[in-house]
Amino acid sequence: MRKLIIMLLFAVLIIGCGSKMAKKETMNALSEARAALESANAKISQLESDISALEAKKAPLDQEIADLTKQVEDLQNKIDTRCKK
């Protein structure tokens, strides 16, 4: 009798706490979420690459702006000095 009760408790424990399979809808949602994550990670990598390329293009343009600003200031000074004479 005691052995039977222990076996029944053990059986209930195994059946009640056993692994449960996820529903098909849950697995589909998980697959879709993983695909979206991979797509987002690829987009992030591509955008980071674009940022790097744009920053590389920006540096010479900033220098060109600084050079042109200096030229404008030099020309303005020449105009001011010649007009005062």
N, C-alpha and C. Protein backbone atom coordinates (compact mmCIF):
# COMPACT_ATOMS: atom_id res chain seq x y z
N MET A 1 0.82 -1.20 0.00
CA MET A 1 0.00 0.00 0.00
C MET A 1 0.86 1.26 0.00
N ARG A 2 1.85 1.24 0.86
CA ARG A 2 2.75 2.40 0.95
C ARG A 2 3.50 2.61 -0.37
N LYS A 3 3.91 1.50 -0.96
CA LYS A 3 4.63 1.56 -2.23
C LYS A 3 3.73 2.14 -3.33
N LEU A 4 2.47 1.77 -3.31
CA LEU A 4 1.51 2.26 -4.30
C LEU A 4 1.29 3.76 -4.17
N ILE A 5 1.18 4.24 -2.93
CA ILE A 5 0.99 5.68 -2.71
C ILE A 5 2.22 6.46 -3.17
N ILE A 6 3.40 5.96 -2.89
CA ILE A 6 4.64 6.62 -3.33
C ILE A 6 4.71 6.65 -4.85
N MET A 7 4.34 5.57 -5.50
CA MET A 7 4.36 5.52 -6.97
C MET A 7 3.33 6.48 -7.56
N LEU A 8 2.15 6.57 -6.94
CA LEU A 8 1.14 7.50 -7.43
C LEU A 8 1.60 8.95 -7.27
N LEU A 9 2.19 9.27 -6.13
CA LEU A 9 2.73 10.63 -5.93
C LEU A 9 3.83 10.94 -6.94
N PHE A 10 4.68 9.96 -7.17
CA PHE A 10 5.76 10.14 -8.14
C PHE A 10 5.19 10.35 -9.54
N ALA A 11 4.17 9.58 -9.91
CA ALA A 11 3.53 9.71 -11.23
C ALA A 11 2.87 11.07 -11.38
N VAL A 12 2.18 11.54 -10.35
CA VAL A 12 1.54 12.85 -10.39
C VAL A 12 2.60 13.94 -10.52
N LEU A 13 3.70 13.77 -9.82
CA LEU A 13 4.78 14.75 -9.87
C LEU A 13 5.37 14.82 -11.28
N ILE A 14 5.61 13.68 -11.87
CA ILE A 14 6.18 13.64 -13.22
C ILE A 14 5.20 14.22 -14.24
N ILE A 15 3.96 13.84 -14.17
CA ILE A 15 2.96 14.33 -15.13
C ILE A 15 2.69 15.82 -14.93
N GLY A 16 2.57 16.25 -13.70
CA GLY A 16 2.24 17.65 -13.41
C GLY A 16 3.39 18.59 -13.66
N CYS A 17 4.60 18.14 -13.42
CA CYS A 17 5.76 19.03 -13.55
C CYS A 17 6.61 18.71 -14.77
N GLY A 18 6.11 17.88 -15.63
CA GLY A 18 6.87 17.52 -16.82
C GLY A 18 6.97 18.68 -17.79
N SER A 19 7.78 18.48 -18.80
CA SER A 19 7.95 19.56 -19.78
C SER A 19 6.67 19.75 -20.56
N LYS A 20 6.34 20.97 -20.80
CA LYS A 20 5.14 21.29 -21.54
C LYS A 20 5.56 21.89 -22.89
N MET A 21 4.91 21.48 -23.92
CA MET A 21 5.23 21.99 -25.26
C MET A 21 4.51 23.32 -25.47
N ALA A 22 5.21 24.20 -26.15
CA ALA A 22 4.62 25.50 -26.44
C ALA A 22 3.60 25.33 -27.57
N LYS A 23 2.62 26.20 -27.58
CA LYS A 23 1.60 26.15 -28.63
C LYS A 23 2.21 26.61 -29.94
N LYS A 24 1.61 26.20 -31.02
CA LYS A 24 2.11 26.56 -32.35
C LYS A 24 2.08 28.07 -32.55
N GLU A 25 1.05 28.74 -32.04
CA GLU A 25 0.96 30.19 -32.18
C GLU A 25 2.12 30.87 -31.45
N THR A 26 2.44 30.34 -30.27
CA THR A 26 3.54 30.90 -29.50
C THR A 26 4.87 30.72 -30.24
N MET A 27 5.06 29.55 -30.81
CA MET A 27 6.29 29.27 -31.55
C MET A 27 6.38 30.16 -32.80
N ASN A 28 5.24 30.38 -33.48
CA ASN A 28 5.23 31.26 -34.64
C ASN A 28 5.56 32.69 -34.25
N ALA A 29 4.98 33.15 -33.14
CA ALA A 29 5.26 34.50 -32.67
C ALA A 29 6.73 34.64 -32.30
N LEU A 30 7.28 33.61 -31.68
CA LEU A 30 8.70 33.63 -31.32
C LEU A 30 9.58 33.67 -32.56
N SER A 31 9.23 32.89 -33.56
CA SER A 31 9.99 32.90 -34.82
C SER A 31 9.93 34.27 -35.49
N GLU A 32 8.74 34.86 -35.50
CA GLU A 32 8.59 36.19 -36.09
C GLU A 32 9.40 37.23 -35.31
N ALA A 33 9.40 37.10 -33.99
CA ALA A 33 10.16 38.04 -33.17
C ALA A 33 11.66 37.89 -33.42
N ARG A 34 12.11 36.65 -33.57
CA ARG A 34 13.54 36.43 -33.87
C ARG A 34 13.90 37.00 -35.24
N ALA A 35 13.04 36.80 -36.21
CA ALA A 35 13.31 37.33 -37.56
C ALA A 35 13.35 38.86 -37.52
N ALA A 36 12.43 39.46 -36.76
CA ALA A 36 12.41 40.92 -36.64
C ALA A 36 13.68 41.41 -35.95
N LEU A 37 14.14 40.68 -34.94
CA LEU A 37 15.36 41.05 -34.24
C LEU A 37 16.56 40.99 -35.18
N GLU A 38 16.66 39.92 -35.95
CA GLU A 38 17.77 39.80 -36.90
C GLU A 38 17.72 40.92 -37.93
N SER A 39 16.54 41.24 -38.41
CA SER A 39 16.38 42.32 -39.39
C SER A 39 16.78 43.65 -38.77
N ALA A 40 16.37 43.89 -37.53
CA ALA A 40 16.72 45.15 -36.86
C ALA A 40 18.22 45.24 -36.62
N ASN A 41 18.85 44.13 -36.24
CA ASN A 41 20.29 44.14 -36.03
C ASN A 41 21.04 44.40 -37.34
N ALA A 42 20.57 43.84 -38.44
CA ALA A 42 21.19 44.10 -39.73
C ALA A 42 21.03 45.57 -40.12
N LYS A 43 19.85 46.12 -39.86
CA LYS A 43 19.60 47.54 -40.17
C LYS A 43 20.50 48.43 -39.32
N ILE A 44 20.67 48.09 -38.04
CA ILE A 44 21.55 48.87 -37.16
C ILE A 44 22.97 48.85 -37.69
N SER A 45 23.45 47.68 -38.09
CA SER A 45 24.81 47.57 -38.62
C SER A 45 24.97 48.42 -39.88
N GLN A 46 23.96 48.37 -40.74
CA GLN A 46 24.03 49.13 -41.98
C GLN A 46 24.01 50.63 -41.70
N LEU A 47 23.18 51.06 -40.76
CA LEU A 47 23.10 52.47 -40.42
C LEU A 47 24.38 52.96 -39.74
N GLU A 48 24.98 52.12 -38.91
CA GLU A 48 26.25 52.50 -38.29
C GLU A 48 27.34 52.65 -39.35
N SER A 49 27.30 51.79 -40.35
CA SER A 49 28.24 51.90 -41.47
C SER A 49 28.01 53.20 -42.24
N ASP A 50 26.75 53.54 -42.46
CA ASP A 50 26.41 54.80 -43.14
C ASP A 50 26.90 56.01 -42.33
N ILE A 51 26.74 55.95 -41.01
CA ILE A 51 27.19 57.04 -40.16
C ILE A 51 28.69 57.23 -40.29
N SER A 52 29.43 56.13 -40.27
CA SER A 52 30.88 56.21 -40.40
C SER A 52 31.29 56.84 -41.74
N ALA A 53 30.61 56.42 -42.81
CA ALA A 53 30.93 56.95 -44.13
C ALA A 53 30.61 58.44 -44.20
N LEU A 54 29.48 58.85 -43.64
CA LEU A 54 29.11 60.26 -43.66
C LEU A 54 30.04 61.11 -42.81
N GLU A 55 30.48 60.58 -41.67
CA GLU A 55 31.43 61.31 -40.84
C GLU A 55 32.76 61.48 -41.56
N ALA A 56 33.16 60.47 -42.32
CA ALA A 56 34.39 60.57 -43.10
C ALA A 56 34.28 61.66 -44.18
N LYS A 57 33.10 61.79 -44.77
CA LYS A 57 32.88 62.84 -45.78
C LYS A 57 32.78 64.22 -45.12
N LYS A 58 32.30 64.27 -43.88
CA LYS A 58 32.06 65.54 -43.21
C LYS A 58 33.35 66.27 -42.85
N ALA A 59 34.38 65.54 -42.44
CA ALA A 59 35.62 66.16 -41.99
C ALA A 59 36.24 67.08 -43.05
N PRO A 60 36.43 66.62 -44.30
CA PRO A 60 36.99 67.54 -45.30
C PRO A 60 36.05 68.71 -45.63
N LEU A 61 34.75 68.46 -45.55
CA LEU A 61 33.81 69.55 -45.82
C LEU A 61 33.88 70.62 -44.73
N ASP A 62 34.03 70.20 -43.48
CA ASP A 62 34.21 71.17 -42.40
C ASP A 62 35.47 72.01 -42.61
N GLN A 63 36.53 71.35 -43.06
CA GLN A 63 37.78 72.08 -43.32
C GLN A 63 37.59 73.06 -44.48
N GLU A 64 36.88 72.65 -45.51
CA GLU A 64 36.63 73.53 -46.65
C GLU A 64 35.79 74.74 -46.22
N ILE A 65 34.81 74.51 -45.35
CA ILE A 65 34.00 75.63 -44.83
C ILE A 65 34.87 76.60 -44.06
N ALA A 66 35.77 76.07 -43.23
CA ALA A 66 36.66 76.93 -42.46
C ALA A 66 37.56 77.74 -43.38
N ASP A 67 38.09 77.10 -44.43
CA ASP A 67 38.95 77.81 -45.39
C ASP A 67 38.17 78.91 -46.13
N LEU A 68 36.97 78.60 -46.55
CA LEU A 68 36.16 79.59 -47.26
C LEU A 68 35.77 80.75 -46.35
N THR A 69 35.47 80.44 -45.09
CA THR A 69 35.15 81.50 -44.13
C THR A 69 36.34 82.42 -43.95
N LYS A 70 37.54 81.85 -43.88
CA LYS A 70 38.75 82.66 -43.76
C LYS A 70 38.95 83.53 -44.99
N GLN A 71 38.71 82.96 -46.17
CA GLN A 71 38.83 83.74 -47.41
C GLN A 71 37.84 84.90 -47.42
N VAL A 72 36.63 84.66 -47.00
CA VAL A 72 35.61 85.72 -46.95
C VAL A 72 36.05 86.82 -46.00
N GLU A 73 36.56 86.43 -44.83
CA GLU A 73 37.03 87.42 -43.86
C GLU A 73 38.20 88.23 -44.43
N ASP A 74 39.14 87.57 -45.11
CA ASP A 74 40.28 88.26 -45.71
C ASP A 74 39.81 89.25 -46.78
N LEU A 75 38.86 88.80 -47.62
CA LEU A 75 38.34 89.68 -48.67
C LEU A 75 37.58 90.86 -48.06
N GLN A 76 36.84 90.61 -47.00
CA GLN A 76 36.10 91.69 -46.34
C GLN A 76 37.08 92.70 -45.74
N ASN A 77 38.17 92.22 -45.17
CA ASN A 77 39.19 93.13 -44.63
C ASN A 77 39.82 93.97 -45.74
N LYS A 78 40.10 93.35 -46.90
CA LYS A 78 40.67 94.09 -48.01
C LYS A 78 39.70 95.16 -48.51
N ILE A 79 38.42 94.78 -48.59
CA ILE A 79 37.41 95.75 -49.03
C ILE A 79 37.34 96.92 -48.05
N ASP A 80 37.32 96.60 -46.75
CA ASP A 80 37.24 97.64 -45.73
C ASP A 80 38.44 98.57 -45.78
N THR A 81 39.64 98.01 -45.97
CA THR A 81 40.84 98.87 -45.99
C THR A 81 40.90 99.71 -47.26
N ARG A 82 40.48 99.20 -48.38
CA ARG A 82 40.54 99.95 -49.63
C ARG A 82 39.46 101.03 -49.68
N CYS A 83 38.31 100.77 -49.09
CA CYS A 83 37.23 101.76 -49.12
C CYS A 83 37.51 102.91 -48.14
N LYS A 84 38.30 102.70 -47.14
CA LYS A 84 38.61 103.76 -46.16
C LYS A 84 39.62 104.76 -46.73
N LYS A 85 40.39 104.40 -47.70
CA LYS A 85 41.42 105.29 -48.25
C LYS A 85 40.83 106.39 -49.01
